[in-house]
Amino acid sequence: MSKRMQTLQQQRAKHALEQIRKAEQKYQGENRKAFVASAENAPASILINGLGQAAATLLAQAKGNQEDPHGAVYDAIQDWLCGKNNAAVYPHDKDLLTAITEGDRDSYLHAQAEALAYLEWYKQFTVAFLKQPDKLSATEKG
């Protein structure tokens, strides 16, 4: 019997969904809103500032608190890029920022592209499962 093969997109989706399911259980109220905002903003932050700066910003926003929603977004990206999967750009590193600062340019550009591809799924699942609709409809807003 052969091992089931998944596309890279399926692997990204599976990992992202697992991470969002954890966040769904962990974050409520204001923490959930902060998580959703952080997940939604992560791709734009990478495009504007680069992967290293975006990752460092997420860690700074978490302020060393492992329970902080910003840290959860960082951890998901780190786990994908430094994990045990076919897309891991830094499979021999445990710390994303160290890998970025010690790696070469080609690895960095590859990691940045892979992070953006991964975050497409991560953001979509965040919106689908965690984002609360606005309280007022468009007609009520005037």
C-alpha atoms as a PDB file:
ATOM      1  CA  MET A   1       0.000   0.000   0.000  1.00  0.00           C
ATOM      2  CA  SER A   2       1.413   3.374  -0.974  1.00  0.00           C
ATOM      3  CA  LYS A   3       1.552   6.400   1.261  1.00  0.00           C
ATOM      4  CA  ARG A   4      -1.062   9.056   0.503  1.00  0.00           C
ATOM      5  CA  MET A   5       0.427  12.001  -1.327  1.00  0.00           C
ATOM      6  CA  GLN A   6      -0.771  15.546  -0.775  1.00  0.00           C
ATOM      7  CA  THR A   7      -0.040  18.621  -2.813  1.00  0.00           C
ATOM      8  CA  LEU A   8       1.951  21.408  -1.215  1.00  0.00           C
ATOM      9  CA  GLN A   9      -1.236  23.509  -1.157  1.00  0.00           C
ATOM     10  CA  GLN A  10      -3.012  20.753   0.778  1.00  0.00           C
ATOM     11  CA  GLN A  11      -0.134  20.568   3.251  1.00  0.00           C
ATOM     12  CA  ARG A  12      -0.226  24.337   3.766  1.00  0.00           C
ATOM     13  CA  ALA A  13      -3.986  24.236   4.236  1.00  0.00           C
ATOM     14  CA  LYS A  14      -3.810  21.364   6.708  1.00  0.00           C
ATOM     15  CA  HIS A  15      -1.164  23.044   8.852  1.00  0.00           C
ATOM     16  CA  ALA A  16      -2.948  26.403   8.763  1.00  0.00           C
ATOM     17  CA  LEU A  17      -6.270  24.829   9.710  1.00  0.00           C
ATOM     18  CA  GLU A  18      -4.667  23.004  12.649  1.00  0.00           C
ATOM     19  CA  GLN A  19      -3.195  26.286  13.873  1.00  0.00           C
ATOM     20  CA  ILE A  20      -6.501  28.147  13.510  1.00  0.00           C
ATOM     21  CA  ARG A  21      -8.393  25.404  15.342  1.00  0.00           C
ATOM     22  CA  LYS A  22      -5.971  25.847  18.271  1.00  0.00           C
ATOM     23  CA  ALA A  23      -6.493  29.612  18.216  1.00  0.00           C
ATOM     24  CA  GLU A  24     -10.256  29.111  18.041  1.00  0.00           C
ATOM     25  CA  GLN A  25     -10.123  27.235  21.337  1.00  0.00           C
ATOM     26  CA  LYS A  26      -7.579  29.542  22.950  1.00  0.00           C
ATOM     27  CA  TYR A  27      -8.725  33.074  22.147  1.00  0.00           C
ATOM     28  CA  GLN A  28     -11.999  34.737  23.085  1.00  0.00           C
ATOM     29  CA  GLY A  29     -13.203  38.339  23.263  1.00  0.00           C
ATOM     30  CA  GLU A  30     -10.543  40.996  22.780  1.00  0.00           C
ATOM     31  CA  ASN A  31      -7.773  38.417  22.397  1.00  0.00           C
ATOM     32  CA  ARG A  32      -9.673  36.857  19.499  1.00  0.00           C
ATOM     33  CA  LYS A  33     -10.045  40.277  17.855  1.00  0.00           C
ATOM     34  CA  ALA A  34      -6.310  40.892  18.291  1.00  0.00           C
ATOM     35  CA  PHE A  35      -5.523  37.471  16.808  1.00  0.00           C
ATOM     36  CA  VAL A  36      -7.760  38.075  13.790  1.00  0.00           C
ATOM     37  CA  ALA A  37      -6.232  41.507  13.179  1.00  0.00           C
ATOM     38  CA  SER A  38      -2.709  40.123  13.474  1.00  0.00           C
ATOM     39  CA  ALA A  39      -3.444  37.213  11.115  1.00  0.00           C
ATOM     40  CA  GLU A  40      -5.120  39.493   8.587  1.00  0.00           C
ATOM     41  CA  ASN A  41      -2.256  42.007   8.675  1.00  0.00           C
ATOM     42  CA  ALA A  42       0.634  39.534   8.506  1.00  0.00           C
ATOM     43  CA  PRO A  43       0.783  39.150   4.700  1.00  0.00           C
ATOM     44  CA  ALA A  44       0.703  42.911   4.110  1.00  0.00           C
ATOM     45  CA  SER A  45       3.369  43.404   6.769  1.00  0.00           C
ATOM     46  CA  ILE A  46       5.623  40.902   4.986  1.00  0.00           C
ATOM     47  CA  LEU A  47       5.050  42.574   1.622  1.00  0.00           C
ATOM     48  CA  ILE A  48       5.767  46.044   3.008  1.00  0.00           C
ATOM     49  CA  ASN A  49       8.584  45.296   5.454  1.00  0.00           C
ATOM     50  CA  GLY A  50       9.963  41.876   4.514  1.00  0.00           C
ATOM     51  CA  LEU A  51       9.699  38.605   6.398  1.00  0.00           C
ATOM     52  CA  GLY A  52      12.383  39.388   8.976  1.00  0.00           C
ATOM     53  CA  GLN A  53      10.932  42.739  10.000  1.00  0.00           C
ATOM     54  CA  ALA A  54       7.377  41.370  10.041  1.00  0.00           C
ATOM     55  CA  ALA A  55       8.414  38.425  12.219  1.00  0.00           C
ATOM     56  CA  ALA A  56      10.362  40.673  14.591  1.00  0.00           C
ATOM     57  CA  THR A  57       7.341  42.988  14.850  1.00  0.00           C
ATOM     58  CA  LEU A  58       5.054  40.095  15.778  1.00  0.00           C
ATOM     59  CA  LEU A  59       7.476  39.079  18.537  1.00  0.00           C
ATOM     60  CA  ALA A  60       7.759  42.649  19.779  1.00  0.00           C
ATOM     61  CA  GLN A  61       3.971  42.958  19.911  1.00  0.00           C
ATOM     62  CA  ALA A  62       3.789  39.729  21.942  1.00  0.00           C
ATOM     63  CA  LYS A  63       6.174  41.281  24.503  1.00  0.00           C
ATOM     64  CA  GLY A  64       7.536  37.895  25.524  1.00  0.00           C
ATOM     65  CA  ASN A  65       4.088  36.569  26.420  1.00  0.00           C
ATOM     66  CA  GLN A  66       3.684  33.129  24.850  1.00  0.00           C
ATOM     67  CA  GLU A  67      -0.096  33.411  25.213  1.00  0.00           C
ATOM     68  CA  ASP A  68      -0.302  36.663  23.227  1.00  0.00           C
ATOM     69  CA  PRO A  69      -2.209  36.441  19.914  1.00  0.00           C
ATOM     70  CA  HIS A  70       0.645  38.098  17.988  1.00  0.00           C
ATOM     71  CA  GLY A  71       2.981  35.397  19.251  1.00  0.00           C
ATOM     72  CA  ALA A  72       0.586  32.727  17.992  1.00  0.00           C
ATOM     73  CA  VAL A  73       0.795  34.124  14.457  1.00  0.00           C
ATOM     74  CA  TYR A  74       4.594  34.213  14.686  1.00  0.00           C
ATOM     75  CA  ASP A  75       4.657  30.649  16.032  1.00  0.00           C
ATOM     76  CA  ALA A  76       2.513  29.377  13.157  1.00  0.00           C
ATOM     77  CA  ILE A  77       4.819  30.965  10.558  1.00  0.00           C
ATOM     78  CA  GLN A  78       7.898  29.698  12.378  1.00  0.00           C
ATOM     79  CA  ASP A  79       6.468  26.192  12.689  1.00  0.00           C
ATOM     80  CA  TRP A  80       5.736  26.102   8.961  1.00  0.00           C
ATOM     81  CA  LEU A  81       9.098  27.493   7.811  1.00  0.00           C
ATOM     82  CA  CYS A  82      11.236  25.657  10.379  1.00  0.00           C
ATOM     83  CA  GLY A  83       9.130  22.531  10.787  1.00  0.00           C
ATOM     84  CA  LYS A  84       9.183  19.011   9.502  1.00  0.00           C
ATOM     85  CA  ASN A  85       7.294  19.487   6.246  1.00  0.00           C
ATOM     86  CA  ASN A  86       8.168  19.482   2.555  1.00  0.00           C
ATOM     87  CA  ALA A  87       8.031  23.273   2.329  1.00  0.00           C
ATOM     88  CA  ALA A  88      10.221  24.062   5.330  1.00  0.00           C
ATOM     89  CA  VAL A  89      12.915  26.437   4.134  1.00  0.00           C
ATOM     90  CA  TYR A  90      14.811  26.125   7.424  1.00  0.00           C
ATOM     91  CA  PRO A  91      14.153  22.508   8.534  1.00  0.00           C
ATOM     92  CA  HIS A  92      17.329  22.353  10.630  1.00  0.00           C
ATOM     93  CA  ASP A  93      16.572  25.517  12.599  1.00  0.00           C
ATOM     94  CA  LYS A  94      14.145  25.935  15.478  1.00  0.00           C
ATOM     95  CA  ASP A  95      14.183  29.732  15.608  1.00  0.00           C
ATOM     96  CA  LEU A  96      12.941  31.629  12.553  1.00  0.00           C
ATOM     97  CA  LEU A  97      14.726  34.911  13.248  1.00  0.00           C
ATOM     98  CA  THR A  98      18.032  33.157  13.805  1.00  0.00           C
ATOM     99  CA  ALA A  99      17.566  31.193  10.581  1.00  0.00           C
ATOM    100  CA  ILE A 100      16.766  34.371   8.670  1.00  0.00           C
ATOM    101  CA  THR A 101      19.740  36.310  10.022  1.00  0.00           C
ATOM    102  CA  GLU A 102      22.195  33.454   9.533  1.00  0.00           C
ATOM    103  CA  GLY A 103      20.883  32.227   6.178  1.00  0.00           C
ATOM    104  CA  ASP A 104      21.636  33.337   2.648  1.00  0.00           C
ATOM    105  CA  ARG A 105      19.672  35.671   0.390  1.00  0.00           C
ATOM    106  CA  ASP A 106      18.121  32.908  -1.722  1.00  0.00           C
ATOM    107  CA  SER A 107      16.839  31.091   1.361  1.00  0.00           C
ATOM    108  CA  TYR A 108      15.388  34.335   2.692  1.00  0.00           C
ATOM    109  CA  LEU A 109      13.545  35.085  -0.546  1.00  0.00           C
ATOM    110  CA  HIS A 110      12.282  31.512  -0.687  1.00  0.00           C
ATOM    111  CA  ALA A 111      11.130  31.703   2.958  1.00  0.00           C
ATOM    112  CA  GLN A 112       9.357  34.994   2.298  1.00  0.00           C
ATOM    113  CA  ALA A 113       7.506  33.571  -0.713  1.00  0.00           C
ATOM    114  CA  GLU A 114       6.599  30.416   1.211  1.00  0.00           C
ATOM    115  CA  ALA A 115       5.374  32.441   4.198  1.00  0.00           C
ATOM    116  CA  LEU A 116       3.081  34.441   1.916  1.00  0.00           C
ATOM    117  CA  ALA A 117       1.719  31.276   0.287  1.00  0.00           C
ATOM    118  CA  TYR A 118       1.111  29.736   3.713  1.00  0.00           C
ATOM    119  CA  LEU A 119      -0.544  32.881   5.053  1.00  0.00           C
ATOM    120  CA  GLU A 120      -3.096  32.827   2.243  1.00  0.00           C
ATOM    121  CA  TRP A 121      -4.588  29.742   3.894  1.00  0.00           C
ATOM    122  CA  TYR A 122      -3.979  30.981   7.425  1.00  0.00           C
ATOM    123  CA  LYS A 123      -5.753  34.266   6.779  1.00  0.00           C
ATOM    124  CA  GLN A 124      -8.678  32.629   4.965  1.00  0.00           C
ATOM    125  CA  PHE A 125      -9.244  30.160   7.803  1.00  0.00           C
ATOM    126  CA  THR A 126      -8.965  32.970  10.349  1.00  0.00           C
ATOM    127  CA  VAL A 127     -11.662  34.953   8.579  1.00  0.00           C
ATOM    128  CA  ALA A 128     -13.838  31.870   8.078  1.00  0.00           C
ATOM    129  CA  PHE A 129     -13.689  30.567  11.644  1.00  0.00           C
ATOM    130  CA  LEU A 130     -12.722  33.419  13.955  1.00  0.00           C
ATOM    131  CA  LYS A 131     -13.760  36.769  12.533  1.00  0.00           C
ATOM    132  CA  GLN A 132     -16.965  38.112  13.992  1.00  0.00           C
ATOM    133  CA  PRO A 133     -19.303  40.042  11.702  1.00  0.00           C
ATOM    134  CA  ASP A 134     -19.719  43.741  12.310  1.00  0.00           C
ATOM    135  CA  LYS A 135     -22.594  44.440  14.689  1.00  0.00           C
ATOM    136  CA  LEU A 136     -24.303  46.949  12.366  1.00  0.00           C
ATOM    137  CA  SER A 137     -25.317  46.131   8.821  1.00  0.00           C
ATOM    138  CA  ALA A 138     -24.492  48.541   6.021  1.00  0.00           C
ATOM    139  CA  THR A 139     -28.046  49.949   6.051  1.00  0.00           C
ATOM    140  CA  GLU A 140     -27.958  50.548   9.804  1.00  0.00           C
ATOM    141  CA  LYS A 141     -24.681  52.467   9.518  1.00  0.00           C
ATOM    142  CA  GLY A 142     -26.440  55.062   7.394  1.00  0.00           C
END
